[in-house]
Amino acid sequence: MAERRAEAGVAASTDAEGLLGLLLEPCCPICTLSRQAALSYLDERLTRWRLSPAPTAAETGLAAGVLCSQHWRKLVMLEAQHGAGPRLSEVLLGEILEAADAPRPCPVCEVQQAAARHYLGVLSRLPTETLGLVLRQGEGFVCLRHLMALPTGPLKGWLLERVHTLTLDLPRFQQRYARHHGIEEDPQAALAALEGGGWLA
């Protein structure tokens, strides 16, 4: 039991460090970390399926729902990275076409939403002094969607102020955002990424 509590403490510490590190960068740490969680979940399910001697979609935990288009593209991308082999995406597509059930939620979206709730909780429990220092040193922000999910208080006020400050020098922020996310430094491309990548989400 003590060992389990110690492991949970290490995980919480790592989560807090990850959040604080991303708040130094021009990105929304909640979006970034929840997307990473979704991608890790998909990769782990794909690896498990490919290592099975007689793989079925049910073994992955993905057959319980229909992947949304965004996570379907991620699955296909991961399959391409894994190289040749039986494709889980083809098996899932066959099952979807044969099923008569009504569409169900995307299981990867559910993982991503649960991760976002978790990291919002971690963020709201961080010491205010630490957060204030990191926000003064970095260019991180919390997107409007995740900002709305935070309870009213000093943290939400600081983050709202940060969003307002960033909009005062949007061209400079777009350049930093484009560099951080590997987008070519074109203001239009950066703006499109901001709209689709968590800034205004």
N, C-alpha and C. Protein backbone atom coordinates (compact mmCIF):
# COMPACT_ATOMS: atom_id res chain seq x y z
N MET A 1 0.83 -1.20 0.00
CA MET A 1 0.00 0.00 0.00
C MET A 1 0.86 1.26 0.00
N ALA A 2 1.90 1.27 0.88
CA ALA A 2 2.81 2.42 0.95
C ALA A 2 3.53 2.60 -0.39
N GLU A 3 3.86 1.44 -1.00
CA GLU A 3 4.55 1.49 -2.30
C GLU A 3 3.66 2.14 -3.35
N ARG A 4 2.35 1.78 -3.33
CA ARG A 4 1.41 2.35 -4.29
C ARG A 4 1.28 3.86 -4.08
N ARG A 5 1.23 4.28 -2.79
CA ARG A 5 1.12 5.71 -2.49
C ARG A 5 2.37 6.45 -2.96
N ALA A 6 3.53 5.81 -2.80
CA ALA A 6 4.79 6.42 -3.24
C ALA A 6 4.79 6.59 -4.75
N GLU A 7 4.31 5.56 -5.48
CA GLU A 7 4.25 5.63 -6.93
C GLU A 7 3.31 6.76 -7.36
N ALA A 8 2.17 6.89 -6.68
CA ALA A 8 1.21 7.95 -7.00
C ALA A 8 1.83 9.31 -6.76
N GLY A 9 2.64 9.43 -5.69
CA GLY A 9 3.32 10.70 -5.41
C GLY A 9 4.31 11.06 -6.50
N VAL A 10 5.05 10.06 -7.00
CA VAL A 10 6.01 10.29 -8.08
C VAL A 10 5.27 10.73 -9.34
N ALA A 11 4.13 10.05 -9.65
CA ALA A 11 3.36 10.40 -10.84
C ALA A 11 2.84 11.83 -10.73
N ALA A 12 2.32 12.19 -9.54
CA ALA A 12 1.78 13.54 -9.35
C ALA A 12 2.89 14.57 -9.51
N SER A 13 4.07 14.26 -8.95
CA SER A 13 5.20 15.18 -9.07
C SER A 13 5.60 15.34 -10.53
N THR A 14 5.66 14.23 -11.27
CA THR A 14 6.02 14.27 -12.68
C THR A 14 5.00 15.07 -13.48
N ASP A 15 3.71 14.88 -13.18
CA ASP A 15 2.64 15.62 -13.86
C ASP A 15 2.81 17.11 -13.62
N ALA A 16 3.09 17.49 -12.37
CA ALA A 16 3.26 18.90 -12.03
C ALA A 16 4.47 19.48 -12.75
N GLU A 17 5.58 18.72 -12.79
CA GLU A 17 6.78 19.19 -13.47
C GLU A 17 6.53 19.37 -14.97
N GLY A 18 5.78 18.42 -15.55
CA GLY A 18 5.45 18.52 -16.97
C GLY A 18 4.62 19.75 -17.28
N LEU A 19 3.63 20.01 -16.43
CA LEU A 19 2.79 21.20 -16.60
C LEU A 19 3.61 22.48 -16.50
N LEU A 20 4.44 22.56 -15.46
CA LEU A 20 5.23 23.77 -15.25
C LEU A 20 6.23 23.98 -16.38
N GLY A 21 6.81 22.90 -16.88
CA GLY A 21 7.74 23.01 -18.01
C GLY A 21 7.05 23.55 -19.25
N LEU A 22 5.84 23.08 -19.51
CA LEU A 22 5.12 23.53 -20.70
C LEU A 22 4.60 24.96 -20.55
N LEU A 23 4.39 25.41 -19.32
CA LEU A 23 3.95 26.80 -19.13
C LEU A 23 5.06 27.80 -19.49
N LEU A 24 6.28 27.31 -19.65
CA LEU A 24 7.36 28.18 -20.11
C LEU A 24 7.33 28.32 -21.63
N GLU A 25 6.62 27.43 -22.31
CA GLU A 25 6.58 27.42 -23.77
C GLU A 25 5.28 28.04 -24.28
N PRO A 26 5.26 28.53 -25.53
CA PRO A 26 4.04 29.12 -26.08
C PRO A 26 3.03 28.04 -26.50
N CYS A 27 2.40 27.42 -25.53
CA CYS A 27 1.41 26.39 -25.83
C CYS A 27 0.47 26.26 -24.63
N CYS A 28 -0.65 25.57 -24.83
CA CYS A 28 -1.56 25.24 -23.74
C CYS A 28 -1.11 23.88 -23.19
N PRO A 29 -0.61 23.82 -21.96
CA PRO A 29 -0.11 22.54 -21.44
C PRO A 29 -1.20 21.48 -21.31
N ILE A 30 -2.44 21.91 -21.07
CA ILE A 30 -3.54 20.94 -20.93
C ILE A 30 -3.80 20.26 -22.27
N CYS A 31 -3.86 21.06 -23.35
CA CYS A 31 -4.04 20.49 -24.70
C CYS A 31 -2.88 19.56 -25.05
N THR A 32 -1.66 20.03 -24.81
CA THR A 32 -0.46 19.26 -25.19
C THR A 32 -0.42 17.92 -24.46
N LEU A 33 -0.61 17.95 -23.13
CA LEU A 33 -0.50 16.72 -22.34
C LEU A 33 -1.66 15.76 -22.59
N SER A 34 -2.86 16.30 -22.80
CA SER A 34 -4.00 15.40 -23.05
C SER A 34 -3.89 14.76 -24.43
N ARG A 35 -3.34 15.49 -25.40
CA ARG A 35 -3.11 14.88 -26.73
C ARG A 35 -2.04 13.80 -26.64
N GLN A 36 -0.99 14.07 -25.86
CA GLN A 36 0.06 13.06 -25.66
C GLN A 36 -0.53 11.79 -25.03
N ALA A 37 -1.42 11.98 -24.06
CA ALA A 37 -2.05 10.82 -23.40
C ALA A 37 -2.87 10.01 -24.40
N ALA A 38 -3.59 10.70 -25.28
CA ALA A 38 -4.40 10.01 -26.29
C ALA A 38 -3.50 9.24 -27.26
N LEU A 39 -2.41 9.87 -27.68
CA LEU A 39 -1.49 9.22 -28.63
C LEU A 39 -0.81 8.01 -27.98
N SER A 40 -0.42 8.14 -26.71
CA SER A 40 0.19 7.01 -25.99
C SER A 40 -0.79 5.85 -25.85
N TYR A 41 -2.06 6.18 -25.58
CA TYR A 41 -3.10 5.16 -25.45
C TYR A 41 -3.25 4.41 -26.78
N LEU A 42 -3.33 5.16 -27.87
CA LEU A 42 -3.47 4.53 -29.19
C LEU A 42 -2.26 3.66 -29.51
N ASP A 43 -1.07 4.18 -29.24
CA ASP A 43 0.17 3.44 -29.55
C ASP A 43 0.25 2.16 -28.73
N GLU A 44 -0.13 2.25 -27.45
CA GLU A 44 -0.10 1.06 -26.58
C GLU A 44 -1.10 0.01 -27.07
N ARG A 45 -2.29 0.46 -27.47
CA ARG A 45 -3.31 -0.48 -27.98
C ARG A 45 -2.85 -1.13 -29.29
N LEU A 46 -2.24 -0.34 -30.15
CA LEU A 46 -1.76 -0.88 -31.42
C LEU A 46 -0.63 -1.89 -31.19
N THR A 47 0.29 -1.58 -30.28
CA THR A 47 1.40 -2.49 -29.97
C THR A 47 0.86 -3.80 -29.39
N ARG A 48 -0.10 -3.69 -28.46
CA ARG A 48 -0.69 -4.89 -27.85
C ARG A 48 -1.34 -5.75 -28.93
N TRP A 49 -2.05 -5.13 -29.84
CA TRP A 49 -2.75 -5.87 -30.91
C TRP A 49 -1.75 -6.57 -31.82
N ARG A 50 -0.67 -5.88 -32.17
CA ARG A 50 0.29 -6.44 -33.12
C ARG A 50 1.13 -7.55 -32.49
N LEU A 51 1.28 -7.54 -31.16
CA LEU A 51 2.07 -8.58 -30.49
C LEU A 51 1.25 -9.84 -30.20
N SER A 52 -0.06 -9.76 -30.37
CA SER A 52 -0.92 -10.91 -30.10
C SER A 52 -0.78 -11.94 -31.22
N PRO A 53 -0.75 -13.26 -30.89
CA PRO A 53 -0.62 -14.28 -31.94
C PRO A 53 -1.84 -14.34 -32.87
N ALA A 54 -3.02 -14.07 -32.32
CA ALA A 54 -4.23 -14.06 -33.16
C ALA A 54 -5.03 -12.80 -32.80
N PRO A 55 -4.59 -11.63 -33.28
CA PRO A 55 -5.17 -10.37 -32.82
C PRO A 55 -6.63 -10.18 -33.23
N THR A 56 -7.38 -9.62 -32.31
CA THR A 56 -8.76 -9.19 -32.61
C THR A 56 -8.88 -7.75 -32.12
N ALA A 57 -9.78 -7.01 -32.73
CA ALA A 57 -9.97 -5.61 -32.35
C ALA A 57 -10.44 -5.49 -30.91
N ALA A 58 -11.19 -6.50 -30.44
CA ALA A 58 -11.74 -6.46 -29.08
C ALA A 58 -10.63 -6.41 -28.04
N GLU A 59 -9.48 -7.04 -28.33
CA GLU A 59 -8.37 -7.07 -27.38
C GLU A 59 -7.75 -5.68 -27.15
N THR A 60 -7.96 -4.77 -28.08
CA THR A 60 -7.33 -3.45 -27.96
C THR A 60 -8.12 -2.51 -27.06
N GLY A 61 -9.40 -2.79 -26.87
CA GLY A 61 -10.23 -1.84 -26.13
C GLY A 61 -10.78 -0.76 -27.03
N LEU A 62 -10.44 -0.79 -28.32
CA LEU A 62 -10.93 0.22 -29.27
C LEU A 62 -12.24 -0.18 -29.92
N ALA A 63 -12.57 -1.47 -29.86
CA ALA A 63 -13.78 -1.93 -30.52
C ALA A 63 -15.04 -1.47 -29.81
N ALA A 64 -14.90 -0.95 -28.58
CA ALA A 64 -16.06 -0.50 -27.81
C ALA A 64 -16.67 0.77 -28.39
N GLY A 65 -15.97 1.45 -29.25
CA GLY A 65 -16.50 2.68 -29.84
C GLY A 65 -15.93 2.87 -31.22
N VAL A 66 -16.39 3.90 -31.89
CA VAL A 66 -15.92 4.21 -33.23
C VAL A 66 -14.96 5.39 -33.12
N LEU A 67 -13.75 5.23 -33.65
CA LEU A 67 -12.78 6.31 -33.58
C LEU A 67 -13.28 7.51 -34.37
N CYS A 68 -13.08 8.71 -33.80
CA CYS A 68 -13.40 9.94 -34.53
C CYS A 68 -12.38 10.11 -35.66
N SER A 69 -12.63 11.02 -36.59
CA SER A 69 -11.74 11.17 -37.75
C SER A 69 -10.33 11.58 -37.32
N GLN A 70 -10.23 12.42 -36.29
CA GLN A 70 -8.92 12.87 -35.82
C GLN A 70 -8.09 11.70 -35.29
N HIS A 71 -8.71 10.86 -34.47
CA HIS A 71 -7.96 9.74 -33.90
C HIS A 71 -7.81 8.59 -34.89
N TRP A 72 -8.68 8.52 -35.87
CA TRP A 72 -8.48 7.54 -36.95
C TRP A 72 -7.20 7.90 -37.72
N ARG A 73 -7.02 9.19 -38.03
CA ARG A 73 -5.81 9.63 -38.73
C ARG A 73 -4.57 9.34 -37.89
N LYS A 74 -4.67 9.54 -36.57
CA LYS A 74 -3.53 9.25 -35.68
C LYS A 74 -3.19 7.76 -35.71
N LEU A 75 -4.23 6.91 -35.71
CA LEU A 75 -4.00 5.46 -35.76
C LEU A 75 -3.29 5.07 -37.05
N VAL A 76 -3.76 5.60 -38.17
CA VAL A 76 -3.14 5.29 -39.46
C VAL A 76 -1.69 5.78 -39.48
N MET A 77 -1.43 6.97 -38.91
CA MET A 77 -0.08 7.51 -38.83
C MET A 77 0.83 6.58 -38.01
N LEU A 78 0.32 6.10 -36.86
CA LEU A 78 1.10 5.20 -36.02
C LEU A 78 1.37 3.88 -36.73
N GLU A 79 0.38 3.38 -37.47
CA GLU A 79 0.59 2.14 -38.22
C GLU A 79 1.70 2.30 -39.25
N ALA A 80 1.74 3.47 -39.89
CA ALA A 80 2.79 3.72 -40.88
C ALA A 80 4.16 3.76 -40.19
N GLN A 81 4.22 4.30 -38.99
CA GLN A 81 5.49 4.36 -38.24
C GLN A 81 5.94 2.97 -37.80
N HIS A 82 4.97 2.09 -37.49
CA HIS A 82 5.30 0.74 -37.04
C HIS A 82 5.77 -0.15 -38.20
N GLY A 83 5.54 0.28 -39.44
CA GLY A 83 5.98 -0.50 -40.59
C GLY A 83 4.94 -1.52 -41.04
N ALA A 84 5.37 -2.43 -41.91
CA ALA A 84 4.46 -3.41 -42.49
C ALA A 84 3.90 -4.33 -41.42
N GLY A 85 2.72 -4.82 -41.67
CA GLY A 85 2.08 -5.74 -40.73
C GLY A 85 0.58 -5.63 -40.83
N PRO A 86 -0.14 -6.47 -40.11
CA PRO A 86 -1.61 -6.40 -40.16
C PRO A 86 -2.07 -5.06 -39.61
N ARG A 87 -3.03 -4.46 -40.29
CA ARG A 87 -3.47 -3.10 -39.94
C ARG A 87 -4.73 -3.15 -39.08
N LEU A 88 -4.62 -2.63 -37.88
CA LEU A 88 -5.75 -2.55 -36.96
C LEU A 88 -6.85 -1.67 -37.55
N SER A 89 -6.47 -0.60 -38.24
CA SER A 89 -7.47 0.31 -38.81
C SER A 89 -8.39 -0.43 -39.79
N GLU A 90 -7.84 -1.38 -40.57
CA GLU A 90 -8.66 -2.15 -41.51
C GLU A 90 -9.63 -3.07 -40.77
N VAL A 91 -9.14 -3.70 -39.70
CA VAL A 91 -10.00 -4.59 -38.90
C VAL A 91 -11.13 -3.79 -38.26
N LEU A 92 -10.79 -2.64 -37.69
CA LEU A 92 -11.81 -1.80 -37.05
C LEU A 92 -12.84 -1.32 -38.07
N LEU A 93 -12.38 -0.95 -39.26
CA LEU A 93 -13.30 -0.48 -40.29
C LEU A 93 -14.26 -1.60 -40.68
N GLY A 94 -13.73 -2.83 -40.82
CA GLY A 94 -14.60 -3.97 -41.15
C GLY A 94 -15.66 -4.18 -40.09
N GLU A 95 -15.28 -4.06 -38.81
CA GLU A 95 -16.23 -4.25 -37.72
C GLU A 95 -17.29 -3.15 -37.71
N ILE A 96 -16.87 -1.92 -37.99
CA ILE A 96 -17.82 -0.80 -38.02
C ILE A 96 -18.85 -1.02 -39.11
N LEU A 97 -18.39 -1.45 -40.30
CA LEU A 97 -19.30 -1.65 -41.43
C LEU A 97 -20.27 -2.79 -41.18
N GLU A 98 -19.85 -3.78 -40.41
CA GLU A 98 -20.72 -4.93 -40.14
C GLU A 98 -21.68 -4.68 -38.98
N ALA A 99 -21.31 -3.77 -38.10
CA ALA A 99 -22.12 -3.54 -36.89
C ALA A 99 -23.39 -2.78 -37.22
N ALA A 100 -24.47 -3.17 -36.56
CA ALA A 100 -25.74 -2.48 -36.75
C ALA A 100 -26.02 -1.51 -35.61
N ASP A 101 -25.13 -1.48 -34.63
CA ASP A 101 -25.36 -0.63 -33.45
C ASP A 101 -25.27 0.84 -33.83
N ALA A 102 -25.89 1.65 -32.99
CA ALA A 102 -25.77 3.11 -33.14
C ALA A 102 -24.33 3.52 -32.83
N PRO A 103 -23.86 4.61 -33.43
CA PRO A 103 -22.49 5.06 -33.15
C PRO A 103 -22.27 5.32 -31.66
N ARG A 104 -21.10 4.96 -31.19
CA ARG A 104 -20.74 5.17 -29.78
C ARG A 104 -19.61 6.19 -29.70
N PRO A 105 -19.35 6.72 -28.51
CA PRO A 105 -18.29 7.73 -28.39
C PRO A 105 -16.93 7.16 -28.76
N CYS A 106 -16.06 8.03 -29.26
CA CYS A 106 -14.69 7.62 -29.58
C CYS A 106 -13.95 7.34 -28.28
N PRO A 107 -13.43 6.12 -28.07
CA PRO A 107 -12.75 5.79 -26.80
C PRO A 107 -11.48 6.60 -26.59
N VAL A 108 -10.83 7.02 -27.68
CA VAL A 108 -9.60 7.80 -27.53
C VAL A 108 -9.94 9.23 -27.11
N CYS A 109 -11.05 9.76 -27.62
CA CYS A 109 -11.52 11.08 -27.16
C CYS A 109 -11.80 11.04 -25.66
N GLU A 110 -12.39 9.93 -25.20
CA GLU A 110 -12.69 9.82 -23.76
C GLU A 110 -11.40 9.81 -22.94
N VAL A 111 -10.36 9.14 -23.44
CA VAL A 111 -9.05 9.14 -22.76
C VAL A 111 -8.49 10.56 -22.73
N GLN A 112 -8.59 11.26 -23.87
CA GLN A 112 -8.05 12.62 -23.97
C GLN A 112 -8.79 13.57 -23.01
N GLN A 113 -10.12 13.44 -22.95
CA GLN A 113 -10.91 14.30 -22.05
C GLN A 113 -10.60 14.00 -20.58
N ALA A 114 -10.43 12.72 -20.26
CA ALA A 114 -10.09 12.36 -18.87
C ALA A 114 -8.72 12.92 -18.51
N ALA A 115 -7.76 12.86 -19.45
CA ALA A 115 -6.43 13.41 -19.20
C ALA A 115 -6.50 14.92 -19.00
N ALA A 116 -7.33 15.60 -19.80
CA ALA A 116 -7.48 17.06 -19.65
C ALA A 116 -8.04 17.39 -18.27
N ARG A 117 -9.04 16.63 -17.81
CA ARG A 117 -9.60 16.87 -16.47
C ARG A 117 -8.54 16.65 -15.39
N HIS A 118 -7.74 15.60 -15.57
CA HIS A 118 -6.69 15.29 -14.61
C HIS A 118 -5.68 16.44 -14.52
N TYR A 119 -5.22 16.90 -15.68
CA TYR A 119 -4.19 17.96 -15.68
C TYR A 119 -4.75 19.30 -15.23
N LEU A 120 -6.03 19.56 -15.48
CA LEU A 120 -6.65 20.77 -14.93
C LEU A 120 -6.65 20.71 -13.41
N GLY A 121 -6.90 19.51 -12.86
CA GLY A 121 -6.87 19.33 -11.41
C GLY A 121 -5.47 19.55 -10.86
N VAL A 122 -4.46 19.00 -11.56
CA VAL A 122 -3.07 19.18 -11.14
C VAL A 122 -2.72 20.67 -11.16
N LEU A 123 -3.12 21.35 -12.24
CA LEU A 123 -2.83 22.78 -12.38
C LEU A 123 -3.45 23.59 -11.24
N SER A 124 -4.70 23.29 -10.91
CA SER A 124 -5.40 24.08 -9.89
C SER A 124 -4.85 23.81 -8.48
N ARG A 125 -4.10 22.68 -8.30
CA ARG A 125 -3.54 22.38 -6.98
C ARG A 125 -2.09 22.85 -6.81
N LEU A 126 -1.49 23.38 -7.87
CA LEU A 126 -0.10 23.85 -7.77
C LEU A 126 -0.03 25.10 -6.90
N PRO A 127 1.06 25.28 -6.16
CA PRO A 127 1.20 26.48 -5.31
C PRO A 127 1.12 27.76 -6.14
N THR A 128 0.37 28.74 -5.65
CA THR A 128 0.17 29.98 -6.41
C THR A 128 1.49 30.72 -6.65
N GLU A 129 2.40 30.66 -5.67
CA GLU A 129 3.69 31.35 -5.82
C GLU A 129 4.47 30.75 -6.99
N THR A 130 4.47 29.41 -7.07
CA THR A 130 5.20 28.72 -8.14
C THR A 130 4.60 29.08 -9.49
N LEU A 131 3.28 29.05 -9.58
CA LEU A 131 2.60 29.36 -10.84
C LEU A 131 2.88 30.80 -11.27
N GLY A 132 2.81 31.71 -10.31
CA GLY A 132 3.07 33.12 -10.62
C GLY A 132 4.46 33.31 -11.19
N LEU A 133 5.45 32.64 -10.60
CA LEU A 133 6.84 32.74 -11.06
C LEU A 133 6.99 32.19 -12.47
N VAL A 134 6.40 31.01 -12.72
CA VAL A 134 6.52 30.37 -14.04
C VAL A 134 5.82 31.21 -15.11
N LEU A 135 4.65 31.77 -14.78
CA LEU A 135 3.93 32.59 -15.75
C LEU A 135 4.71 33.86 -16.08
N ARG A 136 5.43 34.40 -15.11
CA ARG A 136 6.24 35.60 -15.38
C ARG A 136 7.45 35.25 -16.25
N GLN A 137 7.98 34.03 -16.10
CA GLN A 137 9.18 33.63 -16.84
C GLN A 137 8.87 33.12 -18.25
N GLY A 138 7.70 32.53 -18.45
CA GLY A 138 7.40 31.87 -19.72
C GLY A 138 6.31 32.52 -20.52
N GLU A 139 5.93 31.85 -21.62
CA GLU A 139 4.89 32.35 -22.50
C GLU A 139 3.73 31.36 -22.63
N GLY A 140 3.64 30.44 -21.68
CA GLY A 140 2.55 29.46 -21.72
C GLY A 140 1.21 30.12 -21.42
N PHE A 141 0.16 29.45 -21.79
CA PHE A 141 -1.20 29.94 -21.57
C PHE A 141 -2.12 28.74 -21.43
N VAL A 142 -3.34 28.98 -21.05
CA VAL A 142 -4.35 27.93 -21.06
C VAL A 142 -5.42 28.37 -22.05
N CYS A 143 -5.74 27.50 -23.02
CA CYS A 143 -6.70 27.86 -24.07
C CYS A 143 -8.06 28.18 -23.45
N LEU A 144 -8.90 28.85 -24.22
CA LEU A 144 -10.17 29.33 -23.69
C LEU A 144 -11.07 28.19 -23.22
N ARG A 145 -11.05 27.07 -23.94
CA ARG A 145 -11.90 25.93 -23.55
C ARG A 145 -11.51 25.42 -22.17
N HIS A 146 -10.22 25.25 -21.93
CA HIS A 146 -9.78 24.74 -20.64
C HIS A 146 -9.82 25.82 -19.57
N LEU A 147 -9.68 27.06 -19.97
CA LEU A 147 -9.78 28.17 -19.02
C LEU A 147 -11.18 28.22 -18.42
N MET A 148 -12.19 27.98 -19.26
CA MET A 148 -13.58 28.00 -18.79
C MET A 148 -13.84 26.90 -17.76
N ALA A 149 -13.06 25.81 -17.85
CA ALA A 149 -13.27 24.67 -16.93
C ALA A 149 -12.63 24.91 -15.56
N LEU A 150 -11.78 25.93 -15.45
CA LEU A 150 -11.14 26.22 -14.15
C LEU A 150 -12.10 26.99 -13.25
N PRO A 151 -12.04 26.73 -11.94
CA PRO A 151 -12.90 27.49 -11.02
C PRO A 151 -12.43 28.94 -10.94
N THR A 152 -13.36 29.83 -10.63
CA THR A 152 -13.02 31.24 -10.47
C THR A 152 -12.06 31.40 -9.30
N GLY A 153 -11.02 32.21 -9.50
CA GLY A 153 -10.03 32.42 -8.45
C GLY A 153 -8.82 33.12 -9.02
N PRO A 154 -7.77 33.30 -8.19
CA PRO A 154 -6.56 34.01 -8.65
C PRO A 154 -5.93 33.37 -9.89
N LEU A 155 -5.86 32.02 -9.92
CA LEU A 155 -5.23 31.33 -11.05
C LEU A 155 -5.94 31.67 -12.35
N LYS A 156 -7.27 31.59 -12.34
CA LYS A 156 -8.04 31.88 -13.55
C LYS A 156 -7.84 33.34 -13.96
N GLY A 157 -7.77 34.23 -12.98
CA GLY A 157 -7.54 35.64 -13.27
C GLY A 157 -6.19 35.87 -13.93
N TRP A 158 -5.14 35.22 -13.41
CA TRP A 158 -3.81 35.34 -14.00
C TRP A 158 -3.80 34.83 -15.43
N LEU A 159 -4.45 33.68 -15.65
CA LEU A 159 -4.43 33.08 -16.98
C LEU A 159 -5.25 33.89 -17.99
N LEU A 160 -6.34 34.50 -17.52
CA LEU A 160 -7.12 35.40 -18.40
C LEU A 160 -6.27 36.61 -18.78
N GLU A 161 -5.54 37.11 -17.81
CA GLU A 161 -4.65 38.25 -18.06
C GLU A 161 -3.57 37.86 -19.07
N ARG A 162 -3.04 36.63 -18.96
CA ARG A 162 -2.03 36.14 -19.89
C ARG A 162 -2.58 36.10 -21.31
N VAL A 163 -3.79 35.58 -21.48
CA VAL A 163 -4.40 35.51 -22.81
C VAL A 163 -4.52 36.93 -23.38
N HIS A 164 -4.97 37.86 -22.57
CA HIS A 164 -5.12 39.24 -23.02
C HIS A 164 -3.76 39.82 -23.42
N THR A 165 -2.73 39.58 -22.62
CA THR A 165 -1.38 40.08 -22.92
C THR A 165 -0.87 39.52 -24.25
N LEU A 166 -1.11 38.23 -24.49
CA LEU A 166 -0.62 37.61 -25.72
C LEU A 166 -1.29 38.21 -26.95
N THR A 167 -2.56 38.58 -26.83
CA THR A 167 -3.27 39.14 -27.99
C THR A 167 -2.77 40.54 -28.33
N LEU A 168 -2.10 41.21 -27.39
CA LEU A 168 -1.59 42.56 -27.65
C LEU A 168 -0.39 42.53 -28.61
N ASP A 169 0.33 41.40 -28.65
CA ASP A 169 1.46 41.26 -29.57
C ASP A 169 1.33 39.92 -30.29
N LEU A 170 0.21 39.75 -30.98
CA LEU A 170 -0.10 38.46 -31.60
C LEU A 170 0.92 38.04 -32.66
N PRO A 171 1.43 38.95 -33.52
CA PRO A 171 2.43 38.50 -34.52
C PRO A 171 3.65 37.85 -33.88
N ARG A 172 4.17 38.45 -32.79
CA ARG A 172 5.34 37.87 -32.12
C ARG A 172 4.99 36.52 -31.52
N PHE A 173 3.81 36.43 -30.92
CA PHE A 173 3.40 35.17 -30.32
C PHE A 173 3.22 34.10 -31.38
N GLN A 174 2.66 34.47 -32.55
CA GLN A 174 2.48 33.50 -33.64
C GLN A 174 3.82 32.91 -34.06
N GLN A 175 4.85 33.76 -34.14
CA GLN A 175 6.17 33.27 -34.53
C GLN A 175 6.71 32.27 -33.51
N ARG A 176 6.60 32.61 -32.22
CA ARG A 176 7.06 31.70 -31.16
C ARG A 176 6.27 30.38 -31.20
N TYR A 177 4.95 30.49 -31.38
CA TYR A 177 4.08 29.31 -31.42
C TYR A 177 4.47 28.43 -32.61
N ALA A 178 4.70 29.06 -33.78
CA ALA A 178 5.07 28.31 -34.98
C ALA A 178 6.39 27.57 -34.77
N ARG A 179 7.38 28.25 -34.16
CA ARG A 179 8.66 27.59 -33.90
C ARG A 179 8.49 26.41 -32.94
N HIS A 180 7.71 26.63 -31.87
CA HIS A 180 7.52 25.58 -30.86
C HIS A 180 6.85 24.35 -31.45
N HIS A 181 5.89 24.56 -32.35
CA HIS A 181 5.12 23.45 -32.91
C HIS A 181 5.66 22.98 -34.27
N GLY A 182 6.79 23.53 -34.71
CA GLY A 182 7.39 23.08 -35.96
C GLY A 182 6.60 23.48 -37.19
N ILE A 183 5.89 24.61 -37.10
CA ILE A 183 5.11 25.10 -38.24
C ILE A 183 5.99 26.11 -38.97
N GLU A 184 5.95 26.11 -40.32
CA GLU A 184 6.74 27.10 -41.05
C GLU A 184 6.30 28.50 -40.62
N GLU A 185 7.24 29.40 -40.55
CA GLU A 185 6.96 30.72 -39.98
C GLU A 185 6.22 31.60 -40.97
N ASP A 186 5.00 31.26 -41.19
CA ASP A 186 4.10 32.03 -42.04
C ASP A 186 2.94 32.44 -41.14
N PRO A 187 2.68 33.74 -40.98
CA PRO A 187 1.63 34.19 -40.06
C PRO A 187 0.27 33.51 -40.29
N GLN A 188 -0.07 33.27 -41.57
CA GLN A 188 -1.37 32.63 -41.84
C GLN A 188 -1.38 31.19 -41.35
N ALA A 189 -0.26 30.48 -41.59
CA ALA A 189 -0.17 29.08 -41.13
C ALA A 189 -0.18 29.03 -39.61
N ALA A 190 0.51 29.97 -38.98
CA ALA A 190 0.54 30.01 -37.51
C ALA A 190 -0.85 30.31 -36.96
N LEU A 191 -1.58 31.23 -37.61
CA LEU A 191 -2.92 31.57 -37.14
C LEU A 191 -3.85 30.37 -37.28
N ALA A 192 -3.72 29.66 -38.42
CA ALA A 192 -4.54 28.45 -38.61
C ALA A 192 -4.23 27.43 -37.53
N ALA A 193 -2.95 27.31 -37.16
CA ALA A 193 -2.56 26.37 -36.10
C ALA A 193 -3.11 26.82 -34.75
N LEU A 194 -3.10 28.12 -34.51
CA LEU A 194 -3.66 28.63 -33.25
C LEU A 194 -5.12 28.27 -33.13
N GLU A 195 -5.85 28.42 -34.24
CA GLU A 195 -7.29 28.15 -34.22
C GLU A 195 -7.56 26.66 -34.07
N GLY A 196 -6.70 25.82 -34.68
CA GLY A 196 -6.94 24.38 -34.64
C GLY A 196 -6.13 23.65 -33.60
N GLY A 197 -5.20 24.33 -32.93
CA GLY A 197 -4.29 23.63 -32.04
C GLY A 197 -4.44 23.96 -30.59
N GLY A 198 -5.56 24.48 -30.17
CA GLY A 198 -5.77 24.67 -28.74
C GLY A 198 -5.78 26.11 -28.26
N TRP A 199 -5.30 27.05 -29.09
CA TRP A 199 -5.24 28.46 -28.65
C TRP A 199 -6.64 29.03 -28.45
N LEU A 200 -7.49 28.89 -29.49
CA LEU A 200 -8.85 29.40 -29.38
C LEU A 200 -9.87 28.29 -29.18
N ALA A 201 -9.38 27.05 -28.98
CA ALA A 201 -10.28 25.89 -28.89
C ALA A 201 -11.24 26.00 -27.72
